[in-house]
Protein backbone atom coordinates (compact mmCIF):
# COMPACT_ATOMS: atom_id res chain seq x y z
CA MET A 1 -26.42 2.49 -0.99
CA GLU A 2 -27.99 1.22 -4.36
CA ASP A 3 -26.79 -0.13 -7.70
CA VAL A 4 -23.61 -1.80 -6.26
CA SER A 5 -22.62 -5.17 -8.02
CA LEU A 6 -19.12 -6.24 -7.54
CA HIS A 7 -17.13 -9.59 -7.97
CA ILE A 8 -14.02 -10.17 -6.17
CA ARG A 9 -12.28 -13.43 -6.82
CA ALA A 10 -10.20 -15.85 -4.15
CA GLY A 11 -6.82 -14.52 -3.91
CA GLU A 12 -7.49 -11.12 -5.63
CA LYS A 13 -6.25 -7.77 -4.16
CA VAL A 14 -8.80 -5.13 -5.00
CA ALA A 15 -9.35 -1.46 -3.49
CA VAL A 16 -12.44 0.72 -2.81
CA ILE A 17 -11.75 4.43 -3.03
CA GLY A 18 -13.85 7.22 -2.52
CA GLY A 19 -14.60 10.47 -0.51
CA THR A 20 -16.06 10.51 2.73
CA GLY A 21 -19.39 9.36 2.87
CA SER A 22 -19.25 7.53 -0.58
CA GLY A 23 -20.24 4.17 0.83
CA LYS A 24 -16.92 2.38 1.61
CA SER A 25 -17.10 1.79 5.11
CA THR A 26 -20.86 0.55 4.76
CA LEU A 27 -19.76 -1.89 2.18
CA VAL A 28 -17.26 -3.35 4.83
CA GLN A 29 -20.32 -3.67 7.48
CA LEU A 30 -22.42 -5.52 4.78
CA LEU A 31 -19.44 -7.98 3.99
CA MET A 32 -18.76 -8.66 7.82
CA SER A 33 -22.64 -8.91 8.42
CA PHE A 34 -22.74 -6.18 10.75
CA ARG A 35 -25.38 -4.68 8.50
CA LEU A 36 -27.64 -6.77 6.22
CA PRO A 37 -28.96 -5.66 2.90
CA THR A 38 -32.50 -4.47 2.46
CA SER A 39 -32.28 -5.49 -1.01
CA GLY A 40 -29.71 -7.70 -3.31
CA LYS A 41 -27.47 -10.38 -2.01
CA ILE A 42 -23.98 -11.03 -1.02
CA TYR A 43 -22.21 -14.38 -1.68
CA PHE A 44 -19.37 -15.91 -0.38
CA ASP A 45 -17.99 -19.09 -2.76
CA GLY A 46 -21.38 -19.04 -4.31
CA ARG A 47 -23.12 -19.04 -0.99
CA ASP A 48 -26.02 -16.70 0.16
CA ALA A 49 -24.61 -14.67 3.35
CA ALA A 50 -27.87 -15.01 4.80
CA THR A 51 -27.68 -18.72 5.00
CA ILE A 52 -23.94 -18.78 6.59
CA ASN A 53 -23.48 -18.15 10.21
CA ARG A 54 -22.27 -14.76 11.13
CA LYS A 55 -19.40 -16.19 13.52
CA THR A 56 -18.48 -18.20 10.26
CA ILE A 57 -18.16 -15.08 8.35
CA ARG A 58 -16.24 -13.29 10.51
CA ASP A 59 -13.94 -16.01 11.47
CA ASN A 60 -12.75 -16.07 7.97
CA MET A 61 -11.97 -12.65 7.93
CA SER A 62 -8.92 -10.59 9.15
CA CYS A 63 -10.03 -6.92 9.53
CA VAL A 64 -8.45 -3.78 10.66
CA LEU A 65 -11.39 -1.46 10.95
CA GLN A 66 -11.46 2.23 10.55
CA ARG A 67 -11.30 3.27 14.11
CA PRO A 68 -8.50 0.87 15.84
CA ALA A 69 -10.03 -1.18 18.65
CA ILE A 70 -7.45 -1.32 21.20
CA TYR A 71 -8.19 -2.53 24.88
CA SER A 72 -6.55 -2.23 28.41
CA GLY A 73 -4.05 -4.53 28.75
CA SER A 74 -0.56 -5.74 27.52
CA ILE A 75 0.54 -5.13 24.00
CA ARG A 76 0.96 -8.74 23.74
CA ARG A 77 -2.76 -9.34 24.71
CA ASN A 78 -4.25 -7.02 22.09
CA ILE A 79 -2.33 -8.63 19.36
CA GLU A 80 -3.21 -12.24 20.67
CA MET A 81 -6.80 -11.51 20.17
CA GLY A 82 -6.26 -12.29 16.53
CA ARG A 83 -5.47 -15.99 17.34
CA PRO A 84 -5.41 -16.80 21.27
CA GLY A 85 -2.74 -19.70 21.83
CA ALA A 86 -0.27 -18.46 18.92
CA SER A 87 3.30 -19.06 19.56
CA GLU A 88 5.87 -16.49 20.70
CA ALA A 89 7.52 -16.54 17.15
CA GLU A 90 4.30 -16.18 15.40
CA ILE A 91 3.61 -12.95 17.67
CA GLU A 92 7.00 -11.58 17.31
CA GLU A 93 6.65 -12.13 13.23
CA ALA A 94 3.51 -10.12 13.04
CA VAL A 95 4.98 -7.26 15.22
CA GLY A 96 7.92 -7.08 12.67
CA ILE A 97 5.74 -7.35 9.45
CA ALA A 98 3.53 -4.31 11.06
CA GLN A 99 6.60 -2.35 11.85
CA MET A 100 6.19 -2.48 15.46
CA ALA A 101 9.45 -4.21 16.20
CA ASP A 102 11.59 -0.80 16.86
CA TYR A 103 8.86 0.63 19.17
CA VAL A 104 8.29 -2.40 21.25
CA ASP A 105 12.11 -3.04 21.41
CA ARG A 106 12.63 0.27 23.23
CA LEU A 107 10.06 -0.37 25.94
CA PRO A 108 11.53 -1.54 28.86
CA ASP A 109 8.94 -4.41 29.43
CA GLY A 110 8.51 -4.78 25.62
CA LEU A 111 5.37 -6.95 24.51
CA GLU A 112 4.12 -6.71 28.31
CA HIS A 113 4.02 -2.88 28.23
CA MET A 114 0.46 -2.01 29.43
CA LEU A 115 -1.93 -0.13 27.00
CA GLU A 116 -4.82 2.14 28.55
CA GLN A 117 -8.34 1.72 27.34
CA SER A 118 -8.80 3.00 23.48
CA GLY A 119 -4.92 3.14 23.27
CA LYS A 120 -4.87 6.43 25.01
CA ASN A 121 -1.15 6.13 25.43
CA LEU A 122 -0.49 5.43 21.68
CA SER A 123 -0.20 7.52 18.76
CA GLY A 124 -2.41 6.89 16.02
CA GLY A 125 -0.24 5.11 13.95
CA GLN A 126 0.66 2.68 16.77
CA LYS A 127 -3.03 1.71 17.19
CA GLN A 128 -3.12 1.00 13.77
CA ARG A 129 -0.20 -0.89 13.60
CA ILE A 130 -1.10 -3.11 16.32
CA CYS A 131 -4.47 -3.84 14.71
CA ILE A 132 -2.66 -4.75 11.87
CA ALA A 133 -0.52 -6.97 13.88
CA ARG A 134 -3.48 -8.66 15.15
CA ALA A 135 -4.85 -9.26 11.74
CA ILE A 136 -1.89 -10.87 10.55
CA LEU A 137 -1.66 -12.98 13.45
CA LYS A 138 -5.20 -14.39 12.42
CA ASN A 139 -4.26 -14.91 9.05
CA ALA A 140 -7.72 -15.45 7.74
CA PRO A 141 -8.66 -16.34 4.28
CA ILE A 142 -9.74 -12.81 3.76
CA PHE A 143 -7.81 -9.66 4.74
CA ILE A 144 -9.98 -6.38 4.92
CA PHE A 145 -8.20 -3.18 5.65
CA ASP A 146 -10.50 -0.02 6.28
CA ASP A 147 -8.49 3.12 5.76
CA SER A 148 -5.78 1.10 7.98
CA PHE A 149 -2.85 2.82 6.99
CA SER A 150 -4.03 6.69 7.08
CA ALA A 151 -2.02 7.60 10.19
CA LEU A 152 1.33 5.97 8.80
CA ASP A 153 3.76 8.07 7.30
CA PHE A 154 4.42 7.08 3.64
CA MET A 155 7.89 5.54 4.00
CA THR A 156 6.55 3.13 6.77
CA GLU A 157 3.43 2.20 4.96
CA ALA A 158 5.77 1.26 1.85
CA ARG A 159 7.68 -1.01 4.38
CA LEU A 160 4.57 -2.46 5.93
CA ARG A 161 3.03 -3.20 2.67
CA ALA A 162 5.97 -5.03 1.35
CA ARG A 163 6.37 -7.24 4.11
CA LEU A 164 2.43 -7.87 4.51
CA GLY A 165 2.60 -8.75 0.68
CA GLU A 166 4.81 -11.46 1.46
CA LYS A 167 3.10 -13.07 4.33
CA ILE A 168 -0.64 -12.82 2.99
CA GLN A 169 0.57 -13.96 -0.62
CA GLY A 170 -2.72 -15.72 -1.99
CA ARG A 171 -5.05 -14.32 0.40
CA THR A 172 -8.05 -12.07 -0.63
CA GLN A 173 -7.25 -8.60 -0.09
CA ILE A 174 -9.94 -5.83 -0.01
CA VAL A 175 -8.12 -2.41 0.85
CA ILE A 176 -10.63 0.46 1.68
CA THR A 177 -9.01 4.12 1.24
CA GLN A 178 -8.90 7.63 0.29
CA ARG A 179 -5.16 7.41 -0.78
CA ILE A 180 -4.69 6.76 -4.68
CA SER A 181 -1.09 5.49 -3.60
CA SER A 182 -2.60 2.65 -1.40
CA ALA A 183 -4.73 1.54 -4.33
CA MET A 184 -2.58 1.68 -7.26
CA SER A 185 -1.25 -1.67 -7.31
CA SER A 186 -4.44 -3.45 -6.85
CA ASP A 187 -5.85 -5.90 -9.41
CA CYS A 188 -9.06 -4.16 -9.59
CA ILE A 189 -9.99 -0.41 -7.98
CA PHE A 190 -13.86 -0.02 -7.52
CA VAL A 191 -14.63 3.75 -7.30
CA MET A 192 -17.46 4.71 -5.11
CA ASP A 193 -19.62 7.89 -4.84
CA GLY A 194 -22.98 8.65 -2.95
CA GLY A 195 -23.46 5.27 -2.21
CA ARG A 196 -22.99 3.84 -5.64
CA LEU A 197 -20.55 2.18 -7.73
CA VAL A 198 -19.51 4.49 -10.43
CA ASP A 199 -16.28 2.57 -12.20
CA ALA A 200 -14.01 -0.15 -11.74
CA GLY A 201 -11.02 -1.16 -13.29
CA ARG A 202 -7.03 -1.04 -13.02
CA HIS A 203 -5.32 2.16 -12.01
CA GLU A 204 -4.28 3.02 -15.55
CA GLU A 205 -7.71 2.15 -17.07
CA LEU A 206 -9.51 4.33 -14.65
CA LEU A 207 -6.69 7.11 -15.55
CA GLU A 208 -7.59 6.96 -19.05
CA ARG A 209 -11.23 6.70 -18.93
CA CYS A 210 -11.53 9.84 -16.62
CA ASN A 211 -9.02 11.65 -18.86
CA ILE A 212 -6.41 12.33 -16.10
CA LYS A 213 -3.01 13.20 -17.39
CA ARG A 214 0.04 12.37 -15.26
CA PRO A 215 1.73 15.21 -13.77
CA LYS A 216 3.91 17.20 -16.22
CA GLY A 217 7.73 17.16 -15.10
CA HIS A 218 10.25 20.36 -15.07
CA THR A 219 13.52 20.75 -16.67
CA VAL A 220 15.74 23.31 -14.68
CA MET A 221 19.11 24.74 -14.63
CA THR A 222 19.25 26.57 -11.39
CA THR A 223 18.21 26.09 -7.63
CA GLU A 224 16.02 28.89 -8.05
CA GLU A 225 13.99 26.98 -10.92
CA ALA A 226 14.02 23.80 -8.91
CA LEU A 227 12.40 25.41 -5.97
CA ALA A 228 9.57 27.11 -8.44
CA ALA A 229 9.24 23.68 -9.85
CA ALA A 230 8.88 21.86 -6.75
CA HIS A 231 6.34 24.35 -5.47
CA ASP A 232 4.40 24.00 -8.74
CA LEU A 233 4.33 20.24 -8.55
CA GLY A 234 3.85 19.95 -4.54
CA TYR A 235 6.21 17.70 -2.43
CA PRO A 236 7.38 15.23 -2.71
CA VAL A 237 9.36 15.33 -5.81
CA LEU A 238 11.65 13.22 -7.96
CA MET A 239 15.03 15.08 -8.76
CA ARG A 240 17.49 13.33 -11.40
CA PRO A 241 20.27 15.06 -13.89
CA SER A 242 19.35 14.56 -17.54
CA TYR A 243 23.05 13.32 -18.59
CA VAL A 244 22.71 9.84 -16.77
CA LEU A 245 20.61 6.56 -17.92
CA GLY A 246 18.45 4.90 -15.75
CA GLY A 247 18.07 6.05 -11.96
CA GLN A 248 21.75 6.95 -11.17
CA ASN A 249 22.18 10.12 -8.77
CA MET A 250 18.36 10.30 -8.26
CA ILE A 251 16.88 11.64 -5.07
CA ILE A 252 13.30 12.05 -3.75
CA ALA A 253 13.10 15.52 -2.44
CA PHE A 254 10.59 16.09 0.52
CA THR A 255 11.49 19.65 1.30
CA ASP A 256 13.18 23.20 0.07
CA ASP A 257 16.61 22.07 1.96
CA ASP A 258 16.65 18.92 0.21
CA ILE A 259 16.22 20.94 -3.53
CA LYS A 260 18.99 23.08 -2.12
CA GLU A 261 21.48 20.47 -1.15
CA TYR A 262 20.85 18.24 -4.41
CA MET A 263 21.35 21.44 -6.60
CA ALA A 264 24.31 22.39 -4.75
CA ILE A 265 26.22 19.04 -5.41
CA ILE A 266 24.96 19.04 -9.33
CA LEU A 267 25.94 22.54 -9.66
CA SER A 268 29.43 22.02 -8.17
CA HIS A 269 30.22 19.91 -10.95
CA ASN A 270 29.94 22.48 -13.79
CA ILE A 271 27.81 20.27 -16.01
CA GLU A 272 25.54 22.43 -18.16
CA ASN A 273 22.93 20.33 -18.58
CA PRO A 274 19.45 20.19 -17.08
CA VAL A 275 18.00 18.42 -14.07
CA LEU A 276 14.64 16.56 -14.36
CA ILE A 277 12.09 17.28 -11.68
CA ASP A 278 8.66 15.24 -11.51
CA LYS A 279 5.94 14.80 -9.25
CA TYR A 280 6.69 11.59 -7.03
CA LEU A 281 4.32 8.87 -7.99
CA MET A 282 4.40 5.65 -6.02
CA GLY A 283 3.61 2.51 -8.07
CA ILE A 284 4.74 -1.05 -9.12
CA GLU A 285 6.19 -2.20 -12.55
CA LEU A 286 7.51 -5.68 -13.63
CA GLU A 287 10.24 -6.19 -15.72
CA VAL A 288 11.62 -9.49 -17.30
CA ASP A 289 15.51 -9.39 -17.58
CA ALA A 290 17.86 -11.45 -19.45
CA ILE A 291 21.41 -11.44 -20.32
CA CYS A 292 22.70 -13.89 -22.65
CA ASP A 293 25.84 -14.27 -24.93
CA GLY A 294 24.19 -15.43 -27.97
CA LYS A 295 23.85 -18.69 -27.26
CA ASP A 296 23.01 -19.45 -23.42
CA ILE A 297 20.95 -17.50 -20.83
CA LEU A 298 23.41 -16.16 -18.45
CA ILE A 299 21.00 -14.47 -15.99
CA ALA A 300 17.39 -14.59 -15.98
CA GLY A 301 15.01 -12.87 -13.53
CA ILE A 302 12.03 -10.97 -12.87
CA MET A 303 12.83 -7.24 -11.33
CA GLU A 304 10.53 -5.00 -9.36
CA HIS A 305 10.64 -1.33 -10.43
CA VAL A 306 9.23 0.75 -7.57
CA GLU A 307 8.29 3.41 -10.04
CA ARG A 308 9.06 7.21 -8.69
CA THR A 309 7.21 9.00 -11.89
CA GLY A 310 5.18 8.02 -14.61
CA ILE A 311 7.16 10.47 -17.10
CA HIS A 312 10.63 9.27 -17.48
CA SER A 313 10.67 5.36 -17.85
CA GLY A 314 14.30 4.82 -16.29
CA ASP A 315 13.36 6.74 -12.85
CA SER A 316 12.82 3.59 -10.76
CA ILE A 317 14.50 1.86 -7.47
CA ALA A 318 15.20 -1.73 -9.06
CA VAL A 319 14.87 -4.47 -6.00
CA TYR A 320 16.21 -7.96 -7.62
CA PRO A 321 14.73 -10.42 -7.44
CA SER A 322 11.04 -8.91 -7.13
CA TRP A 323 10.69 -9.98 -3.54
CA ASN A 324 7.54 -8.20 -2.80
CA ILE A 325 5.47 -8.61 -5.89
CA ASN A 326 3.10 -11.55 -5.24
CA ASP A 327 0.20 -11.28 -7.71
CA ARG A 328 -0.72 -13.88 -10.29
CA LEU A 329 0.95 -11.62 -12.90
CA ARG A 330 4.40 -12.64 -11.69
CA GLN A 331 3.42 -16.26 -11.53
CA ASP A 332 2.35 -16.17 -15.10
CA ILE A 333 5.29 -14.52 -16.36
CA ILE A 334 7.33 -17.28 -14.68
CA ASN A 335 5.34 -19.84 -16.26
């Protein structure tokens, strides 16, 4: 690695993205003092990391590494390693946030279920979620997630991130990933390539600088056209009729069967208006809403929109109030 210079403020959520071999995991190893820089310095709160005890550095980090560390013993024991002596309620909270509760509840012996060394009796996603629960239980000032969501399906990751955002509000978060969707909501995205930091900025800034256009949507009238559009865009896709406002009657289609079922419903109403199909893009938008009677504000609030597309501004699923937006932007707007 060379020419890597970056600044992460306390409480920020940042992402480091790049392909295999770009230097992402090496950066994590440097931050955790598993490796030492041959030139240059790393500072924590203005202090040179070389002058800080390595144990002190690691005690202040909740880290989920690329290869999940699972040890022989119970699920409870593996999670408790994050903070020995944690209460039952704290362990159960960590399990819930990590989206492990359903799995644990199905086990006859629950948290006492025994795991084999390296988690040989677990799936990849289960390994990752146990390690995430361990990091949540530790609850250190700095959280590092090194490709820690790669084995999770999209919806499980979305639910986990929502709960996690609530829990670790105000903590510094460093997310190492190859998934653009995992980086989009970050305060800053650092782009690595060939061991170098080649760009940095928010998602929209990087799109503009790299001249990357959002996927263009399609307008269709028949099931055949809808299938062709979905294959062109690539699943998942967002579908909605053009004759309604906002996100009513909107679905996210993951397969040809979803397309066929949705189009059958729309076409059965004999409405001669097109259906809009766009690439499903995950993101977050903050919207301030107020309803007044000309004198007094009757309803005021901040609404989260989980954006499903970058093309039609109304295509979103609204969550009121904005229960999982926890960055400083929300507080600035409230103020």
